[in-house]
PDB file of N, CA and C in Angstrom:
ATOM      1  N   UNK A   1      23.035  33.485 -10.518  1.00  0.00           N
ATOM      2  CA  UNK A   1      23.418  32.997 -11.829  1.00  0.00           C
ATOM      3  C   UNK A   1      23.507  34.129 -12.854  1.00  0.00           C
ATOM      4  N   UNK A   2      22.707  35.165 -12.681  1.00  0.00           N
ATOM      5  CA  UNK A   2      22.745  36.279 -13.631  1.00  0.00           C
ATOM      6  C   UNK A   2      24.109  36.964 -13.615  1.00  0.00           C
ATOM      7  N   UNK A   3      24.692  37.088 -12.427  1.00  0.00           N
ATOM      8  CA  UNK A   3      26.021  37.702 -12.339  1.00  0.00           C
ATOM      9  C   UNK A   3      27.060  36.867 -13.072  1.00  0.00           C
ATOM     10  N   UNK A   4      26.959  35.554 -12.971  1.00  0.00           N
ATOM     11  CA  UNK A   4      27.899  34.680 -13.681  1.00  0.00           C
ATOM     12  C   UNK A   4      27.788  34.873 -15.181  1.00  0.00           C
ATOM     13  N   UNK A   5      26.560  34.947 -15.665  1.00  0.00           N
ATOM     14  CA  UNK A   5      26.355  35.147 -17.104  1.00  0.00           C
ATOM     15  C   UNK A   5      26.961  36.475 -17.543  1.00  0.00           C
ATOM     16  N   UNK A   6      26.709  37.512 -16.764  1.00  0.00           N
ATOM     17  CA  UNK A   6      27.240  38.835 -17.100  1.00  0.00           C
ATOM     18  C   UNK A   6      28.767  38.847 -17.007  1.00  0.00           C
ATOM     19  N   UNK A   7      29.308  38.235 -15.972  1.00  0.00           N
ATOM     20  CA  UNK A   7      30.764  38.218 -15.772  1.00  0.00           C
ATOM     21  C   UNK A   7      31.477  37.450 -16.870  1.00  0.00           C
ATOM     22  N   UNK A   8      30.825  36.469 -17.442  1.00  0.00           N
ATOM     23  CA  UNK A   8      31.480  35.653 -18.474  1.00  0.00           C
ATOM     24  C   UNK A   8      31.837  36.469 -19.714  1.00  0.00           C
ATOM     25  N   UNK A   9      31.232  37.648 -19.852  1.00  0.00           N
ATOM     26  CA  UNK A   9      31.545  38.528 -20.982  1.00  0.00           C
ATOM     27  C   UNK A   9      32.638  39.546 -20.643  1.00  0.00           C
ATOM     28  N   UNK A  10      33.221  39.446 -19.452  1.00  0.00           N
ATOM     29  CA  UNK A  10      34.262  40.387 -19.035  1.00  0.00           C
ATOM     30  C   UNK A  10      35.481  40.338 -19.941  1.00  0.00           C
ATOM     31  N   UNK A  11      36.149  41.453 -20.066  1.00  0.00           N
ATOM     32  CA  UNK A  11      37.347  41.569 -20.907  1.00  0.00           C
ATOM     33  C   UNK A  11      38.587  41.171 -20.102  1.00  0.00           C
ATOM     34  N   UNK A  12      38.597  39.933 -19.632  1.00  0.00           N
ATOM     35  CA  UNK A  12      39.659  39.466 -18.741  1.00  0.00           C
ATOM     36  C   UNK A  12      41.015  39.356 -19.422  1.00  0.00           C
ATOM     37  N   UNK A  13      41.034  39.398 -20.738  1.00  0.00           N
ATOM     38  CA  UNK A  13      42.322  39.352 -21.441  1.00  0.00           C
ATOM     39  C   UNK A  13      43.131  40.633 -21.214  1.00  0.00           C
ATOM     40  N   UNK A  14      42.511  41.669 -20.629  1.00  0.00           N
ATOM     41  CA  UNK A  14      43.236  42.900 -20.316  1.00  0.00           C
ATOM     42  C   UNK A  14      43.899  42.865 -18.938  1.00  0.00           C
ATOM     43  N   UNK A  15      43.601  41.850 -18.129  1.00  0.00           N
ATOM     44  CA  UNK A  15      44.198  41.744 -16.796  1.00  0.00           C
ATOM     45  C   UNK A  15      45.721  41.686 -16.932  1.00  0.00           C
ATOM     46  N   UNK A  16      46.396  42.358 -16.046  1.00  0.00           N
ATOM     47  CA  UNK A  16      47.860  42.478 -15.974  1.00  0.00           C
ATOM     48  C   UNK A  16      48.439  43.475 -16.974  1.00  0.00           C
ATOM     49  N   UNK A  17      47.599  44.129 -17.771  1.00  0.00           N
ATOM     50  CA  UNK A  17      48.058  45.251 -18.586  1.00  0.00           C
ATOM     51  C   UNK A  17      47.872  46.517 -17.753  1.00  0.00           C
ATOM     52  N   UNK A  18      48.214  47.669 -18.313  1.00  0.00           N
ATOM     53  CA  UNK A  18      48.140  48.921 -17.569  1.00  0.00           C
ATOM     54  C   UNK A  18      47.000  49.798 -18.071  1.00  0.00           C
ATOM     55  N   UNK A  19      46.493  50.625 -17.134  1.00  0.00           N
ATOM     56  CA  UNK A  19      45.557  51.671 -17.507  1.00  0.00           C
ATOM     57  C   UNK A  19      46.342  52.784 -18.185  1.00  0.00           C
ATOM     58  N   UNK A  20      45.718  53.470 -19.134  1.00  0.00           N
ATOM     59  CA  UNK A  20      46.364  54.592 -19.812  1.00  0.00           C
ATOM     60  C   UNK A  20      46.116  55.861 -19.001  1.00  0.00           C
ATOM     61  N   UNK A  21      46.772  55.933 -17.851  1.00  0.00           N
ATOM     62  CA  UNK A  21      46.639  57.074 -16.949  1.00  0.00           C
ATOM     63  C   UNK A  21      48.020  57.691 -16.794  1.00  0.00           C
ATOM     64  N   UNK A  22      48.121  58.955 -17.148  1.00  0.00           N
ATOM     65  CA  UNK A  22      49.415  59.632 -17.113  1.00  0.00           C
ATOM     66  C   UNK A  22      50.025  59.575 -15.714  1.00  0.00           C
ATOM     67  N   UNK A  23      51.292  59.277 -15.673  1.00  0.00           N
ATOM     68  CA  UNK A  23      52.075  59.246 -14.438  1.00  0.00           C
ATOM     69  C   UNK A  23      51.626  58.181 -13.437  1.00  0.00           C
ATOM     70  N   UNK A  24      50.905  57.163 -13.894  1.00  0.00           N
ATOM     71  CA  UNK A  24      50.498  56.077 -13.007  1.00  0.00           C
ATOM     72  C   UNK A  24      50.810  54.749 -13.664  1.00  0.00           C
ATOM     73  N   UNK A  25      51.145  53.777 -12.858  1.00  0.00           N
ATOM     74  CA  UNK A  25      51.421  52.429 -13.354  1.00  0.00           C
ATOM     75  C   UNK A  25      50.403  51.445 -12.799  1.00  0.00           C
ATOM     76  N   UNK A  26      49.135  51.835 -12.794  1.00  0.00           N
ATOM     77  CA  UNK A  26      48.080  50.978 -12.248  1.00  0.00           C
ATOM     78  C   UNK A  26      47.839  49.797 -13.182  1.00  0.00           C
ATOM     79  N   UNK A  27      47.879  48.609 -12.607  1.00  0.00           N
ATOM     80  CA  UNK A  27      47.693  47.368 -13.351  1.00  0.00           C
ATOM     81  C   UNK A  27      46.229  46.939 -13.259  1.00  0.00           C
ATOM     82  N   UNK A  28      45.671  46.451 -14.354  1.00  0.00           N
ATOM     83  CA  UNK A  28      44.280  45.992 -14.411  1.00  0.00           C
ATOM     84  C   UNK A  28      44.144  44.676 -13.643  1.00  0.00           C
ATOM     85  N   UNK A  29      43.137  44.619 -12.760  1.00  0.00           N
ATOM     86  CA  UNK A  29      42.836  43.407 -11.997  1.00  0.00           C
ATOM     87  C   UNK A  29      41.522  42.804 -12.490  1.00  0.00           C
ATOM     88  N   UNK A  30      41.213  41.605 -12.014  1.00  0.00           N
ATOM     89  CA  UNK A  30      39.943  40.972 -12.365  1.00  0.00           C
ATOM     90  C   UNK A  30      38.767  41.846 -11.933  1.00  0.00           C
ATOM     91  N   UNK A  31      38.844  42.402 -10.735  1.00  0.00           N
ATOM     92  CA  UNK A  31      37.768  43.266 -10.244  1.00  0.00           C
ATOM     93  C   UNK A  31      37.593  44.490 -11.130  1.00  0.00           C
ATOM     94  N   UNK A  32      38.694  45.094 -11.571  1.00  0.00           N
ATOM     95  CA  UNK A  32      38.617  46.279 -12.438  1.00  0.00           C
ATOM     96  C   UNK A  32      37.841  45.990 -13.708  1.00  0.00           C
ATOM     97  N   UNK A  33      38.017  44.795 -14.259  1.00  0.00           N
ATOM     98  CA  UNK A  33      37.369  44.425 -15.525  1.00  0.00           C
ATOM     99  C   UNK A  33      35.852  44.520 -15.403  1.00  0.00           C
ATOM    100  N   UNK A  34      35.294  44.110 -14.267  1.00  0.00           N
ATOM    101  CA  UNK A  34      33.843  44.112 -14.086  1.00  0.00           C
ATOM    102  C   UNK A  34      33.307  45.411 -13.498  1.00  0.00           C
ATOM    103  N   UNK A  35      34.144  46.199 -12.847  1.00  0.00           N
ATOM    104  CA  UNK A  35      33.749  47.398 -12.109  1.00  0.00           C
ATOM    105  C   UNK A  35      33.372  48.545 -13.052  1.00  0.00           C
ATOM    106  N   UNK A  36      32.146  49.054 -12.893  1.00  0.00           N
ATOM    107  CA  UNK A  36      31.655  50.145 -13.746  1.00  0.00           C
ATOM    108  C   UNK A  36      32.485  51.419 -13.570  1.00  0.00           C
ATOM    109  N   UNK A  37      33.180  51.556 -12.443  1.00  0.00           N
ATOM    110  CA  UNK A  37      34.047  52.714 -12.209  1.00  0.00           C
ATOM    111  C   UNK A  37      35.075  52.863 -13.330  1.00  0.00           C
ATOM    112  N   UNK A  38      35.507  51.737 -13.887  1.00  0.00           N
ATOM    113  CA  UNK A  38      36.556  51.740 -14.912  1.00  0.00           C
ATOM    114  C   UNK A  38      36.009  51.598 -16.328  1.00  0.00           C
ATOM    115  N   UNK A  39      34.680  51.660 -16.470  1.00  0.00           N
ATOM    116  CA  UNK A  39      34.073  51.543 -17.800  1.00  0.00           C
ATOM    117  C   UNK A  39      34.663  52.609 -18.723  1.00  0.00           C
ATOM    118  N   UNK A  40      35.030  52.211 -19.907  1.00  0.00           N
ATOM    119  CA  UNK A  40      35.637  53.066 -20.939  1.00  0.00           C
ATOM    120  C   UNK A  40      37.073  53.493 -20.627  1.00  0.00           C
ATOM    121  N   UNK A  41      37.665  52.944 -19.563  1.00  0.00           N
ATOM    122  CA  UNK A  41      39.081  53.227 -19.287  1.00  0.00           C
ATOM    123  C   UNK A  41      39.933  52.587 -20.370  1.00  0.00           C
ATOM    124  N   UNK A  42      40.865  53.357 -20.905  1.00  0.00           N
ATOM    125  CA  UNK A  42      41.754  52.839 -21.948  1.00  0.00           C
ATOM    126  C   UNK A  42      42.833  51.961 -21.323  1.00  0.00           C
ATOM    127  N   UNK A  43      43.145  50.879 -22.020  1.00  0.00           N
ATOM    128  CA  UNK A  43      44.154  49.934 -21.565  1.00  0.00           C
ATOM    129  C   UNK A  43      45.299  49.936 -22.570  1.00  0.00           C
ATOM    130  N   UNK A  44      46.530  49.903 -22.048  1.00  0.00           N
ATOM    131  CA  UNK A  44      47.706  49.892 -22.920  1.00  0.00           C
ATOM    132  C   UNK A  44      48.544  48.643 -22.641  1.00  0.00           C
ATOM    133  N   UNK A  45      49.292  48.230 -23.645  1.00  0.00           N
ATOM    134  CA  UNK A  45      50.181  47.072 -23.477  1.00  0.00           C
ATOM    135  C   UNK A  45      51.527  47.538 -22.930  1.00  0.00           C
ATOM    136  N   UNK A  46      52.468  46.605 -22.823  1.00  0.00           N
ATOM    137  CA  UNK A  46      53.774  46.923 -22.235  1.00  0.00           C
ATOM    138  C   UNK A  46      54.573  47.922 -23.058  1.00  0.00           C
ATOM    139  N   UNK A  47      54.215  48.099 -24.330  1.00  0.00           N
ATOM    140  CA  UNK A  47      54.912  49.076 -25.184  1.00  0.00           C
ATOM    141  C   UNK A  47      54.243  50.440 -25.153  1.00  0.00           C
ATOM    142  N   UNK A  48      53.085  50.538 -24.469  1.00  0.00           N
ATOM    143  CA  UNK A  48      52.367  51.800 -24.391  1.00  0.00           C
ATOM    144  C   UNK A  48      51.322  51.987 -25.470  1.00  0.00           C
ATOM    145  N   UNK A  49      51.048  50.947 -26.248  1.00  0.00           N
ATOM    146  CA  UNK A  49      50.037  51.033 -27.302  1.00  0.00           C
ATOM    147  C   UNK A  49      48.659  50.709 -26.740  1.00  0.00           C
ATOM    148  N   UNK A  50      47.659  51.510 -27.143  1.00  0.00           N
ATOM    149  CA  UNK A  50      46.288  51.264 -26.707  1.00  0.00           C
ATOM    150  C   UNK A  50      45.817  49.934 -27.291  1.00  0.00           C
ATOM    151  N   UNK A  51      45.259  49.080 -26.423  1.00  0.00           N
ATOM    152  CA  UNK A  51      44.772  47.788 -26.896  1.00  0.00           C
ATOM    153  C   UNK A  51      43.273  47.614 -26.682  1.00  0.00           C
ATOM    154  N   UNK A  52      42.630  48.566 -26.022  1.00  0.00           N
ATOM    155  CA  UNK A  52      41.185  48.468 -25.845  1.00  0.00           C
ATOM    156  C   UNK A  52      40.690  49.287 -24.675  1.00  0.00           C
ATOM    157  N   UNK A  53      39.398  49.074 -24.353  1.00  0.00           N
ATOM    158  CA  UNK A  53      38.750  49.762 -23.238  1.00  0.00           C
ATOM    159  C   UNK A  53      37.960  48.751 -22.421  1.00  0.00           C
ATOM    160  N   UNK A  54      37.819  49.032 -21.136  1.00  0.00           N
ATOM    161  CA  UNK A  54      37.015  48.169 -20.276  1.00  0.00           C
ATOM    162  C   UNK A  54      35.536  48.498 -20.447  1.00  0.00           C
ATOM    163  N   UNK A  55      34.680  47.532 -20.101  1.00  0.00           N
ATOM    164  CA  UNK A  55      33.244  47.701 -20.318  1.00  0.00           C
ATOM    165  C   UNK A  55      32.425  47.055 -19.203  1.00  0.00           C
ATOM    166  N   UNK A  56      32.904  47.121 -17.957  1.00  0.00           N
ATOM    167  CA  UNK A  56      32.203  46.486 -16.847  1.00  0.00           C
ATOM    168  C   UNK A  56      30.937  47.212 -16.442  1.00  0.00           C
ATOM    169  N   UNK A  57      30.015  46.457 -15.854  1.00  0.00           N
ATOM    170  CA  UNK A  57      28.743  47.018 -15.406  1.00  0.00           C
ATOM    171  C   UNK A  57      28.426  46.706 -13.946  1.00  0.00           C
ATOM    172  N   UNK A  58      29.346  46.092 -13.216  1.00  0.00           N
ATOM    173  CA  UNK A  58      29.127  45.788 -11.803  1.00  0.00           C
ATOM    174  C   UNK A  58      29.477  47.016 -10.969  1.00  0.00           C
ATOM    175  N   UNK A  59      28.782  47.178  -9.847  1.00  0.00           N
ATOM    176  CA  UNK A  59      29.193  48.215  -8.900  1.00  0.00           C
ATOM    177  C   UNK A  59      30.532  47.781  -8.300  1.00  0.00           C
ATOM    178  N   UNK A  60      31.292  48.714  -7.719  1.00  0.00           N
ATOM    179  CA  UNK A  60      32.569  48.321  -7.114  1.00  0.00           C
ATOM    180  C   UNK A  60      32.405  47.213  -6.060  1.00  0.00           C
ATOM    181  N   UNK A  61      31.387  47.334  -5.206  1.00  0.00           N
ATOM    182  CA  UNK A  61      31.147  46.318  -4.184  1.00  0.00           C
ATOM    183  C   UNK A  61      30.748  44.983  -4.814  1.00  0.00           C
ATOM    184  N   UNK A  62      29.906  45.041  -5.828  1.00  0.00           N
ATOM    185  CA  UNK A  62      29.466  43.827  -6.518  1.00  0.00           C
ATOM    186  C   UNK A  62      30.655  43.099  -7.150  1.00  0.00           C
ATOM    187  N   UNK A  63      31.560  43.831  -7.780  1.00  0.00           N
ATOM    188  CA  UNK A  63      32.751  43.223  -8.392  1.00  0.00           C
ATOM    189  C   UNK A  63      33.642  42.597  -7.323  1.00  0.00           C
ATOM    190  N   UNK A  64      33.823  43.300  -6.205  1.00  0.00           N
ATOM    191  CA  UNK A  64      34.644  42.780  -5.107  1.00  0.00           C
ATOM    192  C   UNK A  64      34.043  41.492  -4.555  1.00  0.00           C
ATOM    193  N   UNK A  65      32.731  41.513  -4.281  1.00  0.00           N
ATOM    194  CA  UNK A  65      32.066  40.339  -3.713  1.00  0.00           C
ATOM    195  C   UNK A  65      32.036  39.173  -4.695  1.00  0.00           C
ATOM    196  N   UNK A  66      31.916  39.474  -5.974  1.00  0.00           N
ATOM    197  CA  UNK A  66      31.913  38.412  -6.979  1.00  0.00           C
ATOM    198  C   UNK A  66      33.216  37.625  -6.906  1.00  0.00           C
ATOM    199  N   UNK A  67      34.339  38.326  -6.863  1.00  0.00           N
ATOM    200  CA  UNK A  67      35.631  37.633  -6.842  1.00  0.00           C
ATOM    201  C   UNK A  67      36.026  37.130  -5.455  1.00  0.00           C
ATOM    202  N   UNK A  68      35.271  37.488  -4.429  1.00  0.00           N
ATOM    203  CA  UNK A  68      35.439  36.833  -3.132  1.00  0.00           C
ATOM    204  C   UNK A  68      34.805  35.442  -3.170  1.00  0.00           C
ATOM    205  N   UNK A  69      33.794  35.283  -4.018  1.00  0.00           N
ATOM    206  CA  UNK A  69      33.104  33.991  -4.127  1.00  0.00           C
ATOM    207  C   UNK A  69      33.645  33.125  -5.259  1.00  0.00           C
ATOM    208  N   UNK A  70      33.921  33.722  -6.405  1.00  0.00           N
ATOM    209  CA  UNK A  70      34.312  32.957  -7.591  1.00  0.00           C
ATOM    210  C   UNK A  70      35.774  33.202  -7.958  1.00  0.00           C
ATOM    211  N   UNK A  71      36.427  32.148  -8.392  1.00  0.00           N
ATOM    212  CA  UNK A  71      37.762  32.248  -8.979  1.00  0.00           C
ATOM    213  C   UNK A  71      37.621  32.044 -10.477  1.00  0.00           C
ATOM    214  N   UNK A  72      38.249  32.893 -11.258  1.00  0.00           N
ATOM    215  CA  UNK A  72      38.277  32.696 -12.708  1.00  0.00           C
ATOM    216  C   UNK A  72      39.438  31.760 -13.015  1.00  0.00           C
ATOM    217  N   UNK A  73      39.121  30.576 -13.506  1.00  0.00           N
ATOM    218  CA  UNK A  73      40.154  29.577 -13.774  1.00  0.00           C
ATOM    219  C   UNK A  73      40.687  29.672 -15.194  1.00  0.00           C
ATOM    220  N   UNK A  74      39.780  29.837 -16.152  1.00  0.00           N
ATOM    221  CA  UNK A  74      40.177  29.904 -17.563  1.00  0.00           C
ATOM    222  C   UNK A  74      39.282  30.913 -18.270  1.00  0.00           C
ATOM    223  N   UNK A  75      39.886  31.717 -19.115  1.00  0.00           N
ATOM    224  CA  UNK A  75      39.115  32.634 -19.963  1.00  0.00           C
ATOM    225  C   UNK A  75      39.616  32.516 -21.387  1.00  0.00           C
ATOM    226  N   UNK A  76      38.713  32.201 -22.285  1.00  0.00           N
ATOM    227  CA  UNK A  76      39.032  32.130 -23.714  1.00  0.00           C
ATOM    228  C   UNK A  76      38.463  33.377 -24.377  1.00  0.00           C
ATOM    229  N   UNK A  77      39.332  34.242 -24.879  1.00  0.00           N
ATOM    230  CA  UNK A  77      38.855  35.433 -25.581  1.00  0.00           C
ATOM    231  C   UNK A  77      38.240  35.018 -26.908  1.00  0.00           C
ATOM    232  N   UNK A  78      37.538  35.945 -27.524  1.00  0.00           N
ATOM    233  CA  UNK A  78      36.878  35.646 -28.795  1.00  0.00           C
ATOM    234  C   UNK A  78      37.851  35.045 -29.799  1.00  0.00           C
ATOM    235  N   UNK A  79      37.416  33.946 -30.407  1.00  0.00           N
ATOM    236  CA  UNK A  79      38.192  33.331 -31.478  1.00  0.00           C
ATOM    237  C   UNK A  79      37.731  33.931 -32.800  1.00  0.00           C
ATOM    238  N   UNK A  80      38.300  33.482 -33.895  1.00  0.00           N
ATOM    239  CA  UNK A  80      37.886  33.984 -35.211  1.00  0.00           C
ATOM    240  C   UNK A  80      36.414  33.712 -35.483  1.00  0.00           C
ATOM    241  N   UNK A  81      35.876  32.650 -34.882  1.00  0.00           N
ATOM    242  CA  UNK A  81      34.459  32.320 -35.076  1.00  0.00           C
ATOM    243  C   UNK A  81      33.570  32.977 -34.019  1.00  0.00           C
ATOM    244  N   UNK A  82      34.142  33.877 -33.210  1.00  0.00           N
ATOM    245  CA  UNK A  82      33.452  34.630 -32.157  1.00  0.00           C
ATOM    246  C   UNK A  82      33.085  33.793 -30.938  1.00  0.00           C
ATOM    247  N   UNK A  83      33.700  32.636 -30.772  1.00  0.00           N
ATOM    248  CA  UNK A  83      33.484  31.832 -29.573  1.00  0.00           C
ATOM    249  C   UNK A  83      34.306  32.410 -28.431  1.00  0.00           C
ATOM    250  N   UNK A  84      33.690  32.504 -27.268  1.00  0.00           N
ATOM    251  CA  UNK A  84      34.419  32.874 -26.058  1.00  0.00           C
ATOM    252  C   UNK A  84      33.809  32.106 -24.889  1.00  0.00           C
ATOM    253  N   UNK A  85      34.576  31.919 -23.834  1.00  0.00           N
ATOM    254  CA  UNK A  85      34.082  31.169 -22.683  1.00  0.00           C
ATOM    255  C   UNK A  85      34.863  31.547 -21.436  1.00  0.00           C
ATOM    256  N   UNK A  86      34.240  31.284 -20.301  1.00  0.00           N
ATOM    257  CA  UNK A  86      34.897  31.501 -19.013  1.00  0.00           C
ATOM    258  C   UNK A  86      34.535  30.340 -18.095  1.00  0.00           C
ATOM    259  N   UNK A  87      35.505  29.865 -17.341  1.00  0.00           N
ATOM    260  CA  UNK A  87      35.283  28.809 -16.359  1.00  0.00           C
ATOM    261  C   UNK A  87      35.568  29.393 -14.981  1.00  0.00           C
ATOM    262  N   UNK A  88      34.531  29.427 -14.152  1.00  0.00           N
ATOM    263  CA  UNK A  88      34.647  29.945 -12.794  1.00  0.00           C
ATOM    264  C   UNK A  88      34.568  28.790 -11.804  1.00  0.00           C
ATOM    265  N   UNK A  89      35.172  28.992 -10.654  1.00  0.00           N
ATOM    266  CA  UNK A  89      35.085  28.029  -9.561  1.00  0.00           C
ATOM    267  C   UNK A  89      34.357  28.703  -8.409  1.00  0.00           C
ATOM    268  N   UNK A  90      33.248  28.099  -7.965  1.00  0.00           N
ATOM    269  CA  UNK A  90      32.452  28.634  -6.865  1.00  0.00           C
ATOM    270  C   UNK A  90      33.069  28.163  -5.552  1.00  0.00           C
ATOM    271  N   UNK A  91      33.707  29.058  -4.836  1.00  0.00           N
ATOM    272  CA  UNK A  91      34.395  28.687  -3.601  1.00  0.00           C
ATOM    273  C   UNK A  91      33.424  28.395  -2.460  1.00  0.00           C
ATOM    274  N   UNK A  92      32.168  28.858  -2.576  1.00  0.00           N
ATOM    275  CA  UNK A  92      31.177  28.594  -1.530  1.00  0.00           C
ATOM    276  C   UNK A  92      30.542  27.218  -1.697  1.00  0.00           C
ATOM    277  N   UNK A  93      30.353  26.792  -2.938  1.00  0.00           N
ATOM    278  CA  UNK A  93      29.708  25.504  -3.202  1.00  0.00           C
ATOM    279  C   UNK A  93      30.697  24.437  -3.638  1.00  0.00           C
ATOM    280  N   UNK A  94      31.969  24.796  -3.721  1.00  0.00           N
ATOM    281  CA  UNK A  94      33.023  23.858  -4.098  1.00  0.00           C
ATOM    282  C   UNK A  94      32.704  23.161  -5.417  1.00  0.00           C
ATOM    283  N   UNK A  95      32.502  23.986  -6.463  1.00  0.00           N
ATOM    284  CA  UNK A  95      32.196  23.409  -7.766  1.00  0.00           C
ATOM    285  C   UNK A  95      32.534  24.353  -8.902  1.00  0.00           C
ATOM    286  N   UNK A  96      32.621  23.780 -10.090  1.00  0.00           N
ATOM    287  CA  UNK A  96      32.943  24.543 -11.295  1.00  0.00           C
ATOM    288  C   UNK A  96      31.674  25.075 -11.946  1.00  0.00           C
ATOM    289  N   UNK A  97      31.780  26.255 -12.570  1.00  0.00           N
ATOM    290  CA  UNK A  97      30.662  26.874 -13.270  1.00  0.00           C
ATOM    291  C   UNK A  97      31.178  27.380 -14.606  1.00  0.00           C
ATOM    292  N   UNK A  98      30.511  26.964 -15.690  1.00  0.00           N
ATOM    293  CA  UNK A  98      30.913  27.406 -17.032  1.00  0.00           C
ATOM    294  C   UNK A  98      30.003  28.531 -17.467  1.00  0.00           C
TER     295      UNK A  98
END
């Protein structure tokens, strides 16, 4: 359960954008968001403008195993009132986790 709590704070709104790495077109994945390897990696939008940095704290294996078990169904980024939420589906227990 601790991993779920930690993962719910992931910057999943950066998924499908690009890393700001010269001469590379690497796309951000769900695993990248949680993986400490990419912590502080700059993310750019389709126009090449910096839109933020990743802040994951999972080991690469931990991030991989997390998404082998859980599917991220919905992610609500921070609203003006600072509300955010994530809905995961536990594929091992066949149930939803908020």
